[in-house]
């Protein structure tokens, strides 16, 4: 992994960050603070970004490439859209990573150190968490629909009653 730290005073970086849907409506001051907590990380094909069972404070946003999400070695999701958020479940409950995320192609991700949230002014922390919570809720709904579809496709419905 190669890592690049941002310059929070760079107006071009602020404008690019605003193109990420989660960041689109944040005030400039708050967005600059997010930039200070962020890095761009470049991953090579097959490089692990998140390891299932590990713990760390990072939340990621897809910039470019294609990532695969595996749970217990089984592929469960792919990420390839600009702005896709991942690694957010640890932000919600502080638990260990529930899946492994690896690069299927060379990929760029925005990595945000969520441990720095506690150092933010309270109003900024609340505004940022609100923006993230909206994205997290949308992601969870999309993933639940996807899981429901997979379950429905793999199991007969209505349930078959076995004769005794």
N, C-alpha and C. Protein backbone atom coordinates (compact mmCIF):
# COMPACT_ATOMS: atom_id res chain seq x y z
N UNK A 1 0.84 -1.17 0.00
CA UNK A 1 0.00 0.00 0.00
C UNK A 1 0.89 1.24 0.00
N UNK A 2 0.52 2.17 -0.80
CA UNK A 2 1.17 3.48 -0.81
C UNK A 2 0.17 4.48 -0.26
N UNK A 3 0.66 5.42 0.53
CA UNK A 3 -0.24 6.36 1.21
C UNK A 3 0.18 7.79 0.92
N UNK A 4 -0.83 8.64 0.68
CA UNK A 4 -0.60 10.05 0.42
C UNK A 4 -1.45 10.86 1.39
N UNK A 5 -0.84 11.78 2.10
CA UNK A 5 -1.58 12.65 3.00
C UNK A 5 -2.03 13.88 2.22
N UNK A 6 -3.20 14.40 2.59
CA UNK A 6 -3.77 15.56 1.91
C UNK A 6 -3.29 16.87 2.52
N UNK A 7 -3.34 17.91 1.71
CA UNK A 7 -3.13 19.28 2.18
C UNK A 7 -4.51 19.90 2.38
N UNK A 8 -4.95 20.12 3.63
CA UNK A 8 -6.31 20.62 3.87
C UNK A 8 -6.58 22.03 3.35
N UNK A 9 -5.53 22.75 2.95
CA UNK A 9 -5.75 24.09 2.41
C UNK A 9 -5.89 24.08 0.89
N UNK A 10 -5.76 22.92 0.26
CA UNK A 10 -5.83 22.81 -1.19
C UNK A 10 -7.29 22.81 -1.64
N UNK A 11 -7.71 23.87 -2.31
CA UNK A 11 -9.11 24.04 -2.75
C UNK A 11 -9.52 22.94 -3.74
N UNK A 12 -8.60 22.48 -4.56
CA UNK A 12 -8.91 21.43 -5.54
C UNK A 12 -9.27 20.12 -4.83
N UNK A 13 -8.54 19.80 -3.77
CA UNK A 13 -8.83 18.58 -3.01
C UNK A 13 -10.20 18.69 -2.34
N UNK A 14 -10.48 19.86 -1.78
CA UNK A 14 -11.79 20.09 -1.14
C UNK A 14 -12.90 19.88 -2.17
N UNK A 15 -12.74 20.42 -3.37
CA UNK A 15 -13.74 20.27 -4.43
C UNK A 15 -13.92 18.80 -4.81
N UNK A 16 -12.82 18.05 -4.91
CA UNK A 16 -12.90 16.63 -5.25
C UNK A 16 -13.59 15.84 -4.13
N UNK A 17 -13.29 16.18 -2.88
CA UNK A 17 -13.93 15.51 -1.75
C UNK A 17 -15.44 15.74 -1.78
N UNK A 18 -15.85 16.93 -2.19
CA UNK A 18 -17.27 17.25 -2.23
C UNK A 18 -18.01 16.39 -3.26
N UNK A 19 -17.29 15.79 -4.21
CA UNK A 19 -17.96 14.93 -5.20
C UNK A 19 -18.30 13.55 -4.62
N UNK A 20 -17.79 13.22 -3.43
CA UNK A 20 -18.18 11.99 -2.75
C UNK A 20 -19.55 12.26 -2.12
N UNK A 21 -20.56 11.48 -2.46
CA UNK A 21 -21.92 11.78 -1.98
C UNK A 21 -22.03 12.04 -0.48
N UNK A 22 -21.33 11.29 0.35
CA UNK A 22 -21.41 11.48 1.80
C UNK A 22 -20.90 12.86 2.21
N UNK A 23 -19.97 13.40 1.45
CA UNK A 23 -19.33 14.67 1.80
C UNK A 23 -19.96 15.88 1.11
N UNK A 24 -20.87 15.63 0.17
CA UNK A 24 -21.38 16.67 -0.72
C UNK A 24 -21.95 17.89 0.00
N UNK A 25 -22.63 17.71 1.11
CA UNK A 25 -23.32 18.83 1.75
C UNK A 25 -22.65 19.32 3.03
N UNK A 26 -21.43 18.84 3.28
CA UNK A 26 -20.72 19.30 4.47
C UNK A 26 -20.21 20.72 4.27
N UNK A 27 -20.26 21.56 5.30
CA UNK A 27 -19.69 22.91 5.19
C UNK A 27 -18.19 22.84 4.92
N UNK A 28 -17.64 23.86 4.26
CA UNK A 28 -16.23 23.89 3.90
C UNK A 28 -15.31 23.65 5.10
N UNK A 29 -15.62 24.26 6.23
CA UNK A 29 -14.78 24.13 7.42
C UNK A 29 -14.72 22.67 7.87
N UNK A 30 -15.86 22.01 7.86
CA UNK A 30 -15.91 20.61 8.28
C UNK A 30 -15.22 19.71 7.26
N UNK A 31 -15.42 20.01 5.99
CA UNK A 31 -14.77 19.23 4.95
C UNK A 31 -13.24 19.34 5.06
N UNK A 32 -12.74 20.52 5.37
CA UNK A 32 -11.30 20.71 5.56
C UNK A 32 -10.80 19.87 6.74
N UNK A 33 -11.62 19.76 7.78
CA UNK A 33 -11.26 18.93 8.92
C UNK A 33 -11.23 17.46 8.54
N UNK A 34 -12.17 17.03 7.71
CA UNK A 34 -12.19 15.65 7.22
C UNK A 34 -10.93 15.38 6.40
N UNK A 35 -10.53 16.33 5.58
CA UNK A 35 -9.32 16.18 4.77
C UNK A 35 -8.11 15.96 5.68
N UNK A 36 -8.05 16.69 6.79
CA UNK A 36 -6.93 16.53 7.73
C UNK A 36 -6.89 15.12 8.33
N UNK A 37 -8.03 14.45 8.42
CA UNK A 37 -8.10 13.11 9.00
C UNK A 37 -7.95 12.01 7.94
N UNK A 38 -7.74 12.40 6.67
CA UNK A 38 -7.80 11.45 5.56
C UNK A 38 -6.47 11.28 4.85
N UNK A 39 -6.39 10.15 4.17
CA UNK A 39 -5.25 9.84 3.31
C UNK A 39 -5.78 9.12 2.08
N UNK A 40 -5.05 9.24 1.00
CA UNK A 40 -5.35 8.42 -0.18
C UNK A 40 -4.44 7.21 -0.09
N UNK A 41 -5.03 6.04 -0.26
CA UNK A 41 -4.25 4.81 -0.23
C UNK A 41 -4.39 4.08 -1.56
N UNK A 42 -3.24 3.70 -2.10
CA UNK A 42 -3.21 2.97 -3.37
C UNK A 42 -2.88 1.52 -3.06
N UNK A 43 -3.73 0.60 -3.58
CA UNK A 43 -3.56 -0.82 -3.35
C UNK A 43 -3.31 -1.53 -4.68
N UNK A 44 -2.44 -2.50 -4.65
CA UNK A 44 -2.17 -3.32 -5.83
C UNK A 44 -3.19 -4.47 -5.88
N UNK A 45 -3.31 -5.09 -7.05
CA UNK A 45 -4.20 -6.24 -7.23
C UNK A 45 -3.91 -7.29 -6.15
N UNK A 46 -4.96 -7.82 -5.53
CA UNK A 46 -4.92 -8.86 -4.51
C UNK A 46 -4.40 -8.39 -3.15
N UNK A 47 -4.15 -7.11 -3.01
CA UNK A 47 -3.70 -6.60 -1.70
C UNK A 47 -4.89 -6.48 -0.75
N UNK A 48 -4.69 -6.88 0.50
CA UNK A 48 -5.72 -6.82 1.52
C UNK A 48 -5.82 -5.40 2.06
N UNK A 49 -7.05 -4.88 2.12
CA UNK A 49 -7.31 -3.55 2.68
C UNK A 49 -7.80 -3.69 4.11
N UNK A 50 -8.75 -4.58 4.31
CA UNK A 50 -9.31 -4.88 5.63
C UNK A 50 -9.24 -6.39 5.83
N UNK A 51 -8.80 -6.81 7.01
CA UNK A 51 -8.71 -8.23 7.32
C UNK A 51 -9.78 -8.60 8.34
N UNK A 52 -10.62 -9.57 7.99
CA UNK A 52 -11.68 -10.03 8.87
C UNK A 52 -11.10 -10.41 10.24
N UNK A 53 -11.76 -9.93 11.30
CA UNK A 53 -11.33 -10.22 12.66
C UNK A 53 -10.39 -9.19 13.26
N UNK A 54 -9.78 -8.37 12.41
CA UNK A 54 -8.87 -7.34 12.92
C UNK A 54 -9.67 -6.13 13.40
N UNK A 55 -9.00 -5.22 14.07
CA UNK A 55 -9.64 -3.98 14.54
C UNK A 55 -8.77 -2.80 14.14
N UNK A 56 -9.40 -1.78 13.64
CA UNK A 56 -8.73 -0.52 13.34
C UNK A 56 -9.79 0.57 13.20
N UNK A 57 -9.40 1.84 13.22
CA UNK A 57 -10.38 2.93 13.20
C UNK A 57 -10.68 3.50 11.81
N UNK A 58 -10.30 2.83 10.74
CA UNK A 58 -10.40 3.41 9.41
C UNK A 58 -11.73 3.11 8.73
N UNK A 59 -12.25 4.14 8.07
CA UNK A 59 -13.42 4.05 7.20
C UNK A 59 -12.91 4.40 5.81
N UNK A 60 -13.43 3.74 4.79
CA UNK A 60 -12.91 3.92 3.43
C UNK A 60 -14.02 4.35 2.47
N UNK A 61 -13.57 5.08 1.45
CA UNK A 61 -14.43 5.44 0.33
C UNK A 61 -13.70 5.04 -0.95
N UNK A 62 -14.41 4.35 -1.81
CA UNK A 62 -13.85 3.91 -3.09
C UNK A 62 -13.62 5.11 -3.99
N UNK A 63 -12.44 5.21 -4.57
CA UNK A 63 -12.16 6.26 -5.54
C UNK A 63 -12.08 5.65 -6.93
N UNK A 64 -11.30 4.58 -7.05
CA UNK A 64 -11.11 3.94 -8.36
C UNK A 64 -10.69 2.49 -8.16
N UNK A 65 -11.17 1.61 -9.04
CA UNK A 65 -10.77 0.21 -9.00
C UNK A 65 -11.95 -0.69 -8.71
N UNK A 66 -11.63 -1.91 -8.31
CA UNK A 66 -12.66 -2.88 -7.95
C UNK A 66 -12.17 -3.67 -6.75
N UNK A 67 -13.05 -3.77 -5.75
CA UNK A 67 -12.72 -4.47 -4.51
C UNK A 67 -13.68 -5.63 -4.32
N UNK A 68 -13.20 -6.67 -3.62
CA UNK A 68 -14.04 -7.81 -3.30
C UNK A 68 -14.15 -7.92 -1.78
N UNK A 69 -15.37 -8.15 -1.30
CA UNK A 69 -15.64 -8.32 0.11
C UNK A 69 -15.90 -9.81 0.35
N UNK A 70 -15.15 -10.41 1.27
CA UNK A 70 -15.29 -11.82 1.60
C UNK A 70 -15.60 -11.98 3.07
N UNK A 71 -16.54 -12.87 3.38
CA UNK A 71 -16.86 -13.23 4.77
C UNK A 71 -16.56 -14.71 4.92
N UNK A 72 -15.66 -15.04 5.81
CA UNK A 72 -15.23 -16.42 6.03
C UNK A 72 -14.81 -17.08 4.71
N UNK A 73 -14.11 -16.30 3.88
CA UNK A 73 -13.58 -16.80 2.62
C UNK A 73 -14.56 -16.86 1.48
N UNK A 74 -15.81 -16.48 1.70
CA UNK A 74 -16.84 -16.53 0.66
C UNK A 74 -17.09 -15.12 0.14
N UNK A 75 -16.96 -14.90 -1.18
CA UNK A 75 -17.25 -13.58 -1.73
C UNK A 75 -18.71 -13.21 -1.50
N UNK A 76 -18.94 -12.03 -0.92
CA UNK A 76 -20.31 -11.61 -0.62
C UNK A 76 -20.69 -10.29 -1.29
N UNK A 77 -19.70 -9.53 -1.77
CA UNK A 77 -20.02 -8.23 -2.35
C UNK A 77 -18.82 -7.72 -3.15
N UNK A 78 -19.12 -6.88 -4.12
CA UNK A 78 -18.06 -6.18 -4.86
C UNK A 78 -18.31 -4.69 -4.78
N UNK A 79 -17.24 -3.94 -4.70
CA UNK A 79 -17.32 -2.48 -4.68
C UNK A 79 -16.57 -1.95 -5.89
N UNK A 80 -17.23 -1.10 -6.66
CA UNK A 80 -16.57 -0.53 -7.83
C UNK A 80 -17.13 0.84 -8.21
N UNK A 81 -17.95 1.42 -7.33
CA UNK A 81 -18.53 2.73 -7.62
C UNK A 81 -17.81 3.81 -6.84
N UNK A 82 -17.53 4.90 -7.50
CA UNK A 82 -16.90 6.03 -6.83
C UNK A 82 -17.76 6.46 -5.64
N UNK A 83 -17.13 6.61 -4.49
CA UNK A 83 -17.83 7.07 -3.30
C UNK A 83 -18.40 5.96 -2.43
N UNK A 84 -18.35 4.69 -2.89
CA UNK A 84 -18.82 3.58 -2.05
C UNK A 84 -18.07 3.60 -0.72
N UNK A 85 -18.81 3.55 0.38
CA UNK A 85 -18.22 3.52 1.72
C UNK A 85 -18.09 2.06 2.17
N UNK A 86 -16.97 1.75 2.82
CA UNK A 86 -16.83 0.43 3.42
C UNK A 86 -15.97 0.53 4.67
N UNK A 87 -16.08 -0.48 5.52
CA UNK A 87 -15.37 -0.47 6.79
C UNK A 87 -16.10 0.30 7.87
N UNK A 88 -17.37 0.62 7.60
CA UNK A 88 -18.13 1.49 8.50
C UNK A 88 -18.74 0.76 9.69
N UNK A 89 -18.86 -0.56 9.64
CA UNK A 89 -19.52 -1.27 10.73
C UNK A 89 -18.78 -1.11 12.05
N UNK A 90 -17.46 -1.04 11.99
CA UNK A 90 -16.68 -0.82 13.21
C UNK A 90 -16.96 0.54 13.83
N UNK A 91 -17.32 1.50 13.00
CA UNK A 91 -17.68 2.83 13.51
C UNK A 91 -18.97 2.74 14.33
N UNK A 92 -19.86 1.87 13.92
CA UNK A 92 -21.14 1.74 14.59
C UNK A 92 -21.00 1.07 15.95
N UNK A 93 -20.32 -0.09 15.97
CA UNK A 93 -20.30 -0.86 17.22
C UNK A 93 -18.91 -1.09 17.82
N UNK A 94 -17.86 -0.62 17.16
CA UNK A 94 -16.51 -0.77 17.69
C UNK A 94 -15.99 -2.20 17.65
N UNK A 95 -16.74 -3.10 17.02
CA UNK A 95 -16.34 -4.50 16.96
C UNK A 95 -15.26 -4.76 15.92
N UNK A 96 -14.74 -6.00 15.91
CA UNK A 96 -13.73 -6.36 14.91
C UNK A 96 -14.35 -6.39 13.51
N UNK A 97 -13.49 -6.35 12.53
CA UNK A 97 -13.92 -6.37 11.13
C UNK A 97 -14.69 -7.65 10.84
N UNK A 98 -15.83 -7.53 10.18
CA UNK A 98 -16.69 -8.68 9.91
C UNK A 98 -16.40 -9.32 8.56
N UNK A 99 -15.51 -8.72 7.78
CA UNK A 99 -15.19 -9.25 6.45
C UNK A 99 -13.80 -8.80 6.04
N UNK A 100 -13.26 -9.50 5.06
CA UNK A 100 -12.00 -9.11 4.44
C UNK A 100 -12.33 -8.37 3.16
N UNK A 101 -11.62 -7.27 2.92
CA UNK A 101 -11.78 -6.52 1.67
C UNK A 101 -10.42 -6.51 0.99
N UNK A 102 -10.41 -6.96 -0.27
CA UNK A 102 -9.16 -6.96 -1.01
C UNK A 102 -9.37 -6.35 -2.39
N UNK A 103 -8.28 -5.84 -2.95
CA UNK A 103 -8.33 -5.21 -4.27
C UNK A 103 -8.35 -6.30 -5.34
N UNK A 104 -9.34 -6.25 -6.21
CA UNK A 104 -9.39 -7.16 -7.36
C UNK A 104 -8.57 -6.59 -8.51
N UNK A 105 -8.45 -5.27 -8.52
CA UNK A 105 -7.65 -4.55 -9.51
C UNK A 105 -6.85 -3.50 -8.75
N UNK A 106 -5.83 -2.89 -9.37
CA UNK A 106 -5.19 -1.75 -8.68
C UNK A 106 -6.27 -0.74 -8.33
N UNK A 107 -6.26 -0.26 -7.08
CA UNK A 107 -7.36 0.56 -6.58
C UNK A 107 -6.87 1.72 -5.74
N UNK A 108 -7.67 2.80 -5.76
CA UNK A 108 -7.44 3.95 -4.90
C UNK A 108 -8.62 4.09 -3.96
N UNK A 109 -8.30 4.35 -2.69
CA UNK A 109 -9.34 4.55 -1.69
C UNK A 109 -9.00 5.76 -0.84
N UNK A 110 -10.03 6.46 -0.43
CA UNK A 110 -9.88 7.51 0.57
C UNK A 110 -10.04 6.82 1.91
N UNK A 111 -9.05 6.97 2.78
CA UNK A 111 -9.08 6.35 4.11
C UNK A 111 -9.23 7.46 5.15
N UNK A 112 -10.21 7.31 6.02
CA UNK A 112 -10.52 8.32 7.03
C UNK A 112 -10.33 7.71 8.41
N UNK A 113 -9.51 8.33 9.23
CA UNK A 113 -9.23 7.85 10.58
C UNK A 113 -10.34 8.30 11.53
N UNK A 114 -11.29 7.41 11.79
CA UNK A 114 -12.45 7.75 12.61
C UNK A 114 -12.09 7.96 14.08
N UNK A 115 -10.90 7.52 14.50
CA UNK A 115 -10.50 7.74 15.89
C UNK A 115 -10.32 9.22 16.17
N UNK A 116 -10.16 10.01 15.13
CA UNK A 116 -9.98 11.46 15.30
C UNK A 116 -11.30 12.20 15.50
N UNK A 117 -12.43 11.51 15.31
CA UNK A 117 -13.74 12.15 15.50
C UNK A 117 -13.85 12.77 16.89
N UNK A 118 -13.33 12.07 17.89
CA UNK A 118 -13.46 12.55 19.27
C UNK A 118 -12.70 13.84 19.54
N UNK A 119 -11.78 14.19 18.67
CA UNK A 119 -11.02 15.44 18.83
C UNK A 119 -11.73 16.63 18.18
N UNK A 120 -12.80 16.35 17.45
CA UNK A 120 -13.51 17.40 16.74
C UNK A 120 -14.39 18.20 17.69
N UNK A 121 -14.65 19.44 17.31
CA UNK A 121 -15.63 20.24 18.03
C UNK A 121 -16.96 19.49 17.96
N UNK A 122 -17.75 19.55 19.04
CA UNK A 122 -18.96 18.73 19.13
C UNK A 122 -19.92 18.95 17.97
N UNK A 123 -20.15 20.19 17.57
CA UNK A 123 -21.11 20.44 16.48
C UNK A 123 -20.60 19.83 15.16
N UNK A 124 -19.30 19.89 14.93
CA UNK A 124 -18.73 19.28 13.72
C UNK A 124 -18.83 17.76 13.78
N UNK A 125 -18.56 17.19 14.96
CA UNK A 125 -18.63 15.74 15.13
C UNK A 125 -20.06 15.25 14.86
N UNK A 126 -21.04 15.97 15.39
CA UNK A 126 -22.44 15.59 15.20
C UNK A 126 -22.82 15.69 13.72
N UNK A 127 -22.41 16.77 13.06
CA UNK A 127 -22.74 16.95 11.63
C UNK A 127 -22.10 15.86 10.78
N UNK A 128 -20.85 15.52 11.08
CA UNK A 128 -20.17 14.49 10.30
C UNK A 128 -20.79 13.11 10.56
N UNK A 129 -21.07 12.81 11.81
CA UNK A 129 -21.69 11.52 12.12
C UNK A 129 -23.07 11.41 11.49
N UNK A 130 -23.82 12.50 11.43
CA UNK A 130 -25.12 12.49 10.77
C UNK A 130 -24.98 12.16 9.29
N UNK A 131 -24.00 12.78 8.63
CA UNK A 131 -23.76 12.51 7.21
C UNK A 131 -23.36 11.05 7.02
N UNK A 132 -22.49 10.56 7.88
CA UNK A 132 -22.05 9.17 7.77
C UNK A 132 -23.20 8.21 8.08
N UNK A 133 -23.99 8.51 9.10
CA UNK A 133 -25.10 7.62 9.46
C UNK A 133 -26.09 7.47 8.32
N UNK A 134 -26.35 8.53 7.58
CA UNK A 134 -27.25 8.45 6.43
C UNK A 134 -26.68 7.49 5.39
N UNK A 135 -25.39 7.64 5.10
CA UNK A 135 -24.75 6.75 4.12
C UNK A 135 -24.73 5.31 4.62
N UNK A 136 -24.41 5.14 5.90
CA UNK A 136 -24.38 3.80 6.48
C UNK A 136 -25.75 3.14 6.39
N UNK A 137 -26.80 3.88 6.71
CA UNK A 137 -28.16 3.33 6.63
C UNK A 137 -28.50 2.93 5.19
N UNK A 138 -28.14 3.76 4.23
CA UNK A 138 -28.40 3.44 2.82
C UNK A 138 -27.62 2.19 2.41
N UNK A 139 -26.35 2.10 2.84
CA UNK A 139 -25.53 0.92 2.51
C UNK A 139 -26.12 -0.34 3.13
N UNK A 140 -26.52 -0.26 4.38
CA UNK A 140 -27.09 -1.43 5.05
C UNK A 140 -28.37 -1.88 4.37
N UNK A 141 -29.22 -0.94 3.98
CA UNK A 141 -30.47 -1.29 3.28
C UNK A 141 -30.15 -1.98 1.95
N UNK A 142 -29.20 -1.44 1.21
CA UNK A 142 -28.83 -2.04 -0.07
C UNK A 142 -28.27 -3.45 0.13
N UNK A 143 -27.41 -3.62 1.13
CA UNK A 143 -26.82 -4.94 1.39
C UNK A 143 -27.87 -5.93 1.88
N UNK A 144 -28.82 -5.48 2.69
CA UNK A 144 -29.88 -6.36 3.17
C UNK A 144 -30.76 -6.81 2.00
N UNK A 145 -31.10 -5.89 1.10
CA UNK A 145 -31.88 -6.27 -0.07
C UNK A 145 -31.15 -7.31 -0.91
N UNK A 146 -29.84 -7.08 -1.08
CA UNK A 146 -29.01 -8.02 -1.85
C UNK A 146 -28.98 -9.39 -1.17
N UNK A 147 -28.82 -9.42 0.15
CA UNK A 147 -28.80 -10.69 0.89
C UNK A 147 -30.16 -11.38 0.81
N UNK A 148 -31.24 -10.62 0.95
CA UNK A 148 -32.58 -11.20 0.84
C UNK A 148 -32.79 -11.83 -0.53
N UNK A 149 -32.32 -11.16 -1.56
CA UNK A 149 -32.46 -11.68 -2.92
C UNK A 149 -31.70 -12.99 -3.07
N UNK A 150 -30.49 -13.04 -2.54
CA UNK A 150 -29.69 -14.27 -2.62
C UNK A 150 -30.35 -15.41 -1.86
N UNK A 151 -30.88 -15.12 -0.69
CA UNK A 151 -31.57 -16.15 0.09
C UNK A 151 -32.79 -16.65 -0.68
N UNK A 152 -33.57 -15.73 -1.23
CA UNK A 152 -34.78 -16.11 -1.96
C UNK A 152 -34.44 -16.95 -3.19
N UNK A 153 -33.33 -16.66 -3.84
CA UNK A 153 -32.93 -17.41 -5.03
C UNK A 153 -32.40 -18.80 -4.68
N UNK A 154 -31.92 -18.98 -3.46
CA UNK A 154 -31.30 -20.26 -3.10
C UNK A 154 -32.22 -21.19 -2.32
N UNK A 155 -33.36 -20.70 -1.87
CA UNK A 155 -34.25 -21.54 -1.07
C UNK A 155 -35.63 -21.59 -1.69
N UNK A 156 -36.28 -22.75 -1.63
CA UNK A 156 -37.65 -22.82 -2.16
C UNK A 156 -38.60 -21.99 -1.30
N UNK A 157 -39.58 -21.40 -1.93
CA UNK A 157 -40.56 -20.59 -1.20
C UNK A 157 -41.92 -20.88 -1.78
N UNK A 158 -42.94 -21.13 -1.07
CA UNK A 158 -42.95 -21.16 0.40
C UNK A 158 -42.16 -22.35 0.92
N UNK A 159 -41.81 -22.33 2.20
CA UNK A 159 -41.04 -23.43 2.75
C UNK A 159 -41.72 -24.78 2.52
N UNK A 160 -40.94 -25.75 2.16
CA UNK A 160 -41.48 -27.09 1.91
C UNK A 160 -41.58 -27.81 3.25
N UNK A 161 -42.76 -28.36 3.50
CA UNK A 161 -42.95 -29.14 4.72
C UNK A 161 -42.59 -30.60 4.44
N UNK A 162 -41.77 -31.11 5.30
CA UNK A 162 -41.37 -32.49 5.15
C UNK A 162 -42.38 -33.40 5.84
N UNK A 163 -42.72 -34.51 5.19
CA UNK A 163 -43.63 -35.49 5.79
C UNK A 163 -42.93 -36.20 6.92
N UNK A 164 -43.68 -36.49 7.97
CA UNK A 164 -43.09 -37.19 9.12
C UNK A 164 -43.46 -38.63 9.09
